[in-house]
Amino acid sequence: MLPRFAKTAVKSSFNAFGYALHDLGKNNDLRVFLPGHLKALFKRLGINCVIDVGANVGQYALLLREMGYRGRIVSIEPISHVFQKLRANAAGDEKWITLNTACGSKEETRAINIFAETPLSSFLKPSANLPLIHTSPIERTETVGIRRLDSLFDEALQGLENPRVFLKTDAQGLDLDVIKGAGECINRIEGLQSEISVIPLYAGVPDYLEYLVYCRGLGFEPTAFFPIINSPVGGHLVEVDVVLIRRHWSNLESALVESSQN
């Protein structure tokens, strides 16, 4: 077995050449293929602004920086003590902006359930499925402000020439509400990434089919799906990250879709 310092040295060498080492025992590790997919996608779309709703302490922004993205990042996080950690992580990065709010389909104040494992925190109540996946308890609630994305869009893009926006949402069951809150600003967004549910971990969560149908209606189609959690009981997919971009089908792609529907 390699000592830790040797593993670190080997990993750093691989990263320098655009490669990575991963534990193949982890079959749902987003770090395996997601960064490469996003890197290629951002280059193709010319993305220069990423809005990260439900940023927690900034894990996604740090992933983007690690993969080489140097454009603007706007990280949005509502929970006060989590936001303080997010702001500390963003310190020193002048292109990384942080906003202490939640996003939804309407402007209001609302109590959020804060779990011991803070990425699970949600405005929704846990469903009977959540204890099968996570045992983290709700510790308390906190009243936070919710803004529509269209109300802060110009603030997020201020001073940015020719903005090309990618929206990432991780709103623990309310990702569709975030997108609905974008209003007409959705037409200024080139791509989306959301965590969506196949088996709901919270009560009242729209399932993945509803999300995909809604986004198709807005003109977005998937480029990839990345598994997040599988059920330890039956092995079924529980949550998945989906990446979508605006529909730019060629004649060949359109013909293939039409053929598959006949």
Protein backbone atom coordinates (compact mmCIF):
# COMPACT_ATOMS: atom_id res chain seq x y z
CA MET A 1 0.00 0.00 0.00
CA LEU A 2 1.33 3.42 -0.94
CA PRO A 3 1.85 5.90 1.91
CA ARG A 4 -0.37 8.97 1.87
CA PHE A 5 2.35 11.37 0.72
CA ALA A 6 3.11 9.09 -2.25
CA LYS A 7 -0.57 8.95 -3.22
CA THR A 8 -0.74 12.74 -3.04
CA ALA A 9 2.32 13.10 -5.25
CA VAL A 10 0.97 10.66 -7.85
CA LYS A 11 -2.44 12.34 -7.84
CA SER A 12 -0.90 15.79 -8.29
CA SER A 13 1.18 14.53 -11.23
CA PHE A 14 -1.89 13.07 -12.92
CA ASN A 15 -3.89 16.27 -12.35
CA ALA A 16 -1.17 18.33 -14.00
CA PHE A 17 -1.74 16.38 -17.23
CA GLY A 18 -5.54 16.51 -17.02
CA TYR A 19 -5.93 13.00 -15.61
CA ALA A 20 -7.24 11.82 -12.26
CA LEU A 21 -7.02 8.80 -9.96
CA HIS A 22 -10.25 7.57 -8.40
CA ASP A 23 -11.39 4.88 -6.00
CA LEU A 24 -13.32 2.44 -8.19
CA GLY A 25 -15.10 1.16 -5.09
CA LYS A 26 -17.11 4.39 -5.17
CA ASN A 27 -19.51 3.91 -8.05
CA ASN A 28 -21.39 7.21 -7.55
CA ASP A 29 -18.54 9.72 -7.35
CA LEU A 30 -19.45 12.91 -9.26
CA ARG A 31 -15.77 13.82 -9.48
CA VAL A 32 -15.10 11.00 -11.95
CA PHE A 33 -16.77 12.35 -15.11
CA LEU A 34 -18.61 15.56 -14.18
CA PRO A 35 -15.60 17.95 -14.23
CA GLY A 36 -14.51 16.85 -17.71
CA HIS A 37 -18.05 17.10 -19.02
CA LEU A 38 -18.48 20.61 -17.61
CA LYS A 39 -15.08 21.73 -18.86
CA ALA A 40 -15.91 20.72 -22.43
CA LEU A 41 -19.42 22.16 -22.16
CA PHE A 42 -18.28 25.51 -20.76
CA LYS A 43 -15.76 25.83 -23.58
CA ARG A 44 -18.38 25.01 -26.24
CA LEU A 45 -20.92 27.45 -24.80
CA GLY A 46 -18.43 30.17 -23.84
CA ILE A 47 -19.67 30.20 -20.23
CA ASN A 48 -18.27 33.12 -18.23
CA CYS A 49 -20.73 33.24 -15.31
CA VAL A 50 -21.93 30.38 -13.11
CA ILE A 51 -24.80 30.99 -10.68
CA ASP A 52 -24.73 28.34 -7.96
CA VAL A 53 -28.00 28.21 -5.97
CA GLY A 54 -27.76 26.19 -2.77
CA ALA A 55 -23.99 26.51 -2.67
CA ASN A 56 -23.48 25.25 0.89
CA VAL A 57 -19.81 26.05 1.71
CA GLY A 58 -18.75 26.37 -1.93
CA GLN A 59 -17.87 22.80 -2.90
CA TYR A 60 -19.13 23.28 -6.46
CA ALA A 61 -17.21 26.53 -6.95
CA LEU A 62 -14.03 24.88 -5.70
CA LEU A 63 -14.62 22.02 -8.16
CA LEU A 64 -14.97 24.53 -10.99
CA ARG A 65 -11.73 26.25 -10.03
CA GLU A 66 -9.99 22.88 -9.79
CA MET A 67 -11.09 21.99 -13.33
CA GLY A 68 -9.68 25.28 -14.62
CA TYR A 69 -12.75 27.53 -14.89
CA ARG A 70 -11.66 31.14 -14.24
CA GLY A 71 -14.89 33.06 -14.93
CA ARG A 72 -17.35 34.60 -12.50
CA ILE A 73 -19.07 32.44 -9.88
CA VAL A 74 -22.08 33.66 -7.89
CA SER A 75 -22.66 31.34 -4.93
CA ILE A 76 -26.03 31.65 -3.17
CA GLU A 77 -26.58 30.14 0.29
CA PRO A 78 -29.35 30.98 2.81
CA ILE A 79 -28.21 29.43 6.12
CA SER A 80 -26.27 31.98 8.17
CA HIS A 81 -23.47 29.86 9.68
CA VAL A 82 -22.99 27.91 6.43
CA PHE A 83 -22.81 31.20 4.51
CA GLN A 84 -19.98 32.39 6.77
CA LYS A 85 -17.93 29.34 5.74
CA LEU A 86 -18.83 29.94 2.10
CA ARG A 87 -17.68 33.56 2.31
CA ALA A 88 -14.41 32.48 3.94
CA ASN A 89 -13.77 29.98 1.13
CA ALA A 90 -14.43 32.68 -1.47
CA ALA A 91 -12.14 35.22 0.18
CA GLY A 92 -9.25 36.21 -2.08
CA ASP A 93 -11.05 35.17 -5.26
CA GLU A 94 -12.26 38.44 -6.79
CA LYS A 95 -14.40 36.63 -9.37
CA TRP A 96 -16.26 34.61 -6.73
CA ILE A 97 -19.31 36.48 -5.37
CA THR A 98 -21.41 35.23 -2.44
CA LEU A 99 -25.04 36.10 -1.62
CA ASN A 100 -26.79 35.20 1.64
CA THR A 101 -30.29 34.28 0.47
CA ALA A 102 -32.42 31.43 -0.82
CA CYS A 103 -34.03 31.35 -4.26
CA GLY A 104 -37.54 30.26 -5.13
CA SER A 105 -40.61 30.96 -7.22
CA LYS A 106 -41.79 33.85 -5.03
CA GLU A 107 -40.26 36.41 -2.67
CA GLU A 108 -40.96 35.60 0.98
CA THR A 109 -39.45 34.61 4.31
CA ARG A 110 -39.73 30.99 5.33
CA ALA A 111 -38.38 28.53 7.91
CA ILE A 112 -35.78 26.09 6.62
CA ASN A 113 -35.08 22.75 8.32
CA ILE A 114 -31.38 22.60 9.20
CA PHE A 115 -29.91 19.11 9.40
CA ALA A 116 -26.74 18.15 11.25
CA GLU A 117 -25.40 17.35 7.78
CA THR A 118 -26.08 20.82 6.34
CA PRO A 119 -26.21 19.89 2.60
CA LEU A 120 -29.48 18.07 3.44
CA SER A 121 -31.17 21.22 4.78
CA SER A 122 -34.47 21.91 3.04
CA PHE A 123 -37.66 23.93 3.26
CA LEU A 124 -39.49 20.62 2.79
CA LYS A 125 -40.13 17.96 5.40
CA PRO A 126 -38.27 14.63 5.05
CA SER A 127 -40.15 11.78 3.42
CA ALA A 128 -40.14 8.22 4.75
CA ASN A 129 -37.29 7.49 2.30
CA LEU A 130 -34.72 9.88 3.79
CA PRO A 131 -33.83 7.76 6.87
CA LEU A 132 -32.97 4.88 4.53
CA ILE A 133 -30.26 7.03 2.91
CA HIS A 134 -29.19 9.52 5.60
CA THR A 135 -29.52 9.36 9.38
CA SER A 136 -28.64 13.02 9.90
CA PRO A 137 -31.32 14.58 12.17
CA ILE A 138 -32.99 17.98 11.92
CA GLU A 139 -31.27 20.11 14.56
CA ARG A 140 -33.28 23.33 14.30
CA THR A 141 -35.03 25.70 11.93
CA GLU A 142 -33.97 29.15 10.76
CA THR A 143 -36.08 31.79 9.09
CA VAL A 144 -34.45 32.94 5.86
CA GLY A 145 -35.29 35.24 2.99
CA ILE A 146 -36.21 33.85 -0.42
CA ARG A 147 -35.69 35.85 -3.61
CA ARG A 148 -36.72 35.16 -7.16
CA LEU A 149 -33.70 34.64 -9.36
CA ASP A 150 -34.89 37.30 -11.78
CA SER A 151 -34.76 39.89 -8.96
CA LEU A 152 -31.01 39.40 -8.48
CA PHE A 153 -29.99 38.47 -12.02
CA ASP A 154 -28.73 41.92 -13.01
CA GLU A 155 -26.82 42.17 -9.73
CA ALA A 156 -25.15 38.83 -10.41
CA LEU A 157 -24.12 39.87 -13.93
CA GLN A 158 -23.18 43.48 -13.15
CA GLY A 159 -20.08 44.65 -15.03
CA LEU A 160 -19.80 41.42 -17.00
CA GLU A 161 -19.44 41.95 -20.73
CA ASN A 162 -21.43 39.57 -22.96
CA PRO A 163 -22.55 37.28 -20.10
CA ARG A 164 -22.92 33.59 -20.91
CA VAL A 165 -24.67 32.08 -17.91
CA PHE A 166 -24.78 28.54 -16.51
CA LEU A 167 -27.22 27.92 -13.63
CA LYS A 168 -26.54 25.19 -11.10
CA THR A 169 -29.21 24.36 -8.51
CA ASP A 170 -29.06 22.13 -5.45
CA ALA A 171 -32.18 23.21 -3.59
CA GLN A 172 -33.04 19.90 -1.91
CA GLY A 173 -36.31 19.26 -3.69
CA LEU A 174 -37.15 22.80 -4.83
CA ASP A 175 -34.96 23.07 -7.93
CA LEU A 176 -37.99 23.61 -10.17
CA ASP A 177 -39.08 26.51 -7.95
CA VAL A 178 -35.66 28.11 -8.44
CA ILE A 179 -35.94 27.79 -12.22
CA LYS A 180 -39.51 29.14 -12.21
CA GLY A 181 -38.23 32.12 -10.24
CA ALA A 182 -35.90 32.98 -13.11
CA GLY A 183 -38.91 34.22 -15.09
CA GLU A 184 -37.92 35.74 -18.43
CA CYS A 185 -34.26 35.65 -17.35
CA ILE A 186 -34.28 31.95 -18.19
CA ASN A 187 -33.83 33.09 -21.79
CA ARG A 188 -30.43 34.50 -20.78
CA ILE A 189 -29.24 31.15 -19.42
CA GLU A 190 -27.29 28.80 -21.70
CA GLY A 191 -27.16 25.69 -19.52
CA LEU A 192 -28.49 24.12 -16.34
CA GLN A 193 -27.36 21.58 -13.78
CA SER A 194 -29.76 20.34 -11.10
CA GLU A 195 -29.99 17.61 -8.51
CA ILE A 196 -33.28 15.82 -9.23
CA SER A 197 -35.18 13.01 -7.53
CA VAL A 198 -36.11 9.58 -8.81
CA ILE A 199 -37.14 8.42 -5.32
CA PRO A 200 -38.17 11.50 -3.26
CA LEU A 201 -36.25 12.13 -0.04
CA TYR A 202 -38.54 15.06 0.86
CA ALA A 203 -42.32 15.37 0.89
CA GLY A 204 -43.84 17.00 -2.18
CA VAL A 205 -40.75 16.87 -4.41
CA PRO A 206 -41.40 16.88 -8.18
CA ASP A 207 -39.87 13.76 -9.70
CA TYR A 208 -37.27 13.70 -12.43
CA LEU A 209 -39.81 13.28 -15.24
CA GLU A 210 -41.69 16.42 -14.23
CA TYR A 211 -38.40 18.33 -14.08
CA LEU A 212 -37.27 17.12 -17.50
CA VAL A 213 -40.63 17.84 -19.14
CA TYR A 214 -40.66 21.36 -17.70
CA CYS A 215 -37.10 22.07 -18.85
CA ARG A 216 -37.86 20.70 -22.31
CA GLY A 217 -40.72 23.17 -22.48
CA LEU A 218 -38.16 25.92 -21.82
CA GLY A 219 -35.99 24.66 -24.67
CA PHE A 220 -33.39 22.66 -22.71
CA GLU A 221 -32.28 19.08 -23.42
CA PRO A 222 -29.94 16.86 -21.36
CA THR A 223 -26.28 16.38 -22.20
CA ALA A 224 -25.56 13.94 -19.35
CA PHE A 225 -26.83 12.31 -16.16
CA PHE A 226 -24.56 11.67 -13.15
CA PRO A 227 -25.79 9.32 -10.37
CA ILE A 228 -25.57 10.69 -6.83
CA ILE A 229 -27.22 8.13 -4.56
CA ASN A 230 -28.53 4.60 -5.05
CA SER A 231 -30.87 2.87 -2.62
CA PRO A 232 -28.98 0.55 -0.22
CA VAL A 233 -32.10 -1.64 -0.18
CA GLY A 234 -32.97 -2.25 -3.84
CA GLY A 235 -30.12 -0.55 -5.65
CA HIS A 236 -32.45 1.83 -7.48
CA LEU A 237 -31.28 5.31 -8.36
CA VAL A 238 -32.47 7.83 -5.76
CA GLU A 239 -30.98 11.14 -6.93
CA VAL A 240 -29.14 12.20 -10.04
CA ASP A 241 -27.43 15.34 -11.32
CA VAL A 242 -28.61 16.28 -14.79
CA VAL A 243 -26.85 18.76 -17.08
CA LEU A 244 -28.90 20.44 -19.81
CA ILE A 245 -28.24 23.01 -22.51
CA ARG A 246 -30.39 24.92 -24.96
CA ARG A 247 -31.69 22.82 -27.83
CA HIS A 248 -29.36 23.10 -30.82
CA TRP A 249 -30.27 19.95 -32.68
CA SER A 250 -28.82 19.27 -36.08
CA ASN A 251 -30.96 17.66 -38.80
CA LEU A 252 -29.39 14.30 -38.01
CA GLU A 253 -30.22 14.53 -34.30
CA SER A 254 -33.78 15.62 -35.07
CA ALA A 255 -34.20 12.69 -37.46
CA LEU A 256 -32.93 10.24 -34.83
CA VAL A 257 -35.41 11.57 -32.26
CA GLU A 258 -38.30 11.41 -34.71
CA SER A 259 -37.30 7.86 -35.68
CA SER A 260 -37.23 6.75 -32.04
CA GLN A 261 -40.74 8.15 -31.47
CA ASN A 262 -42.28 6.30 -34.45
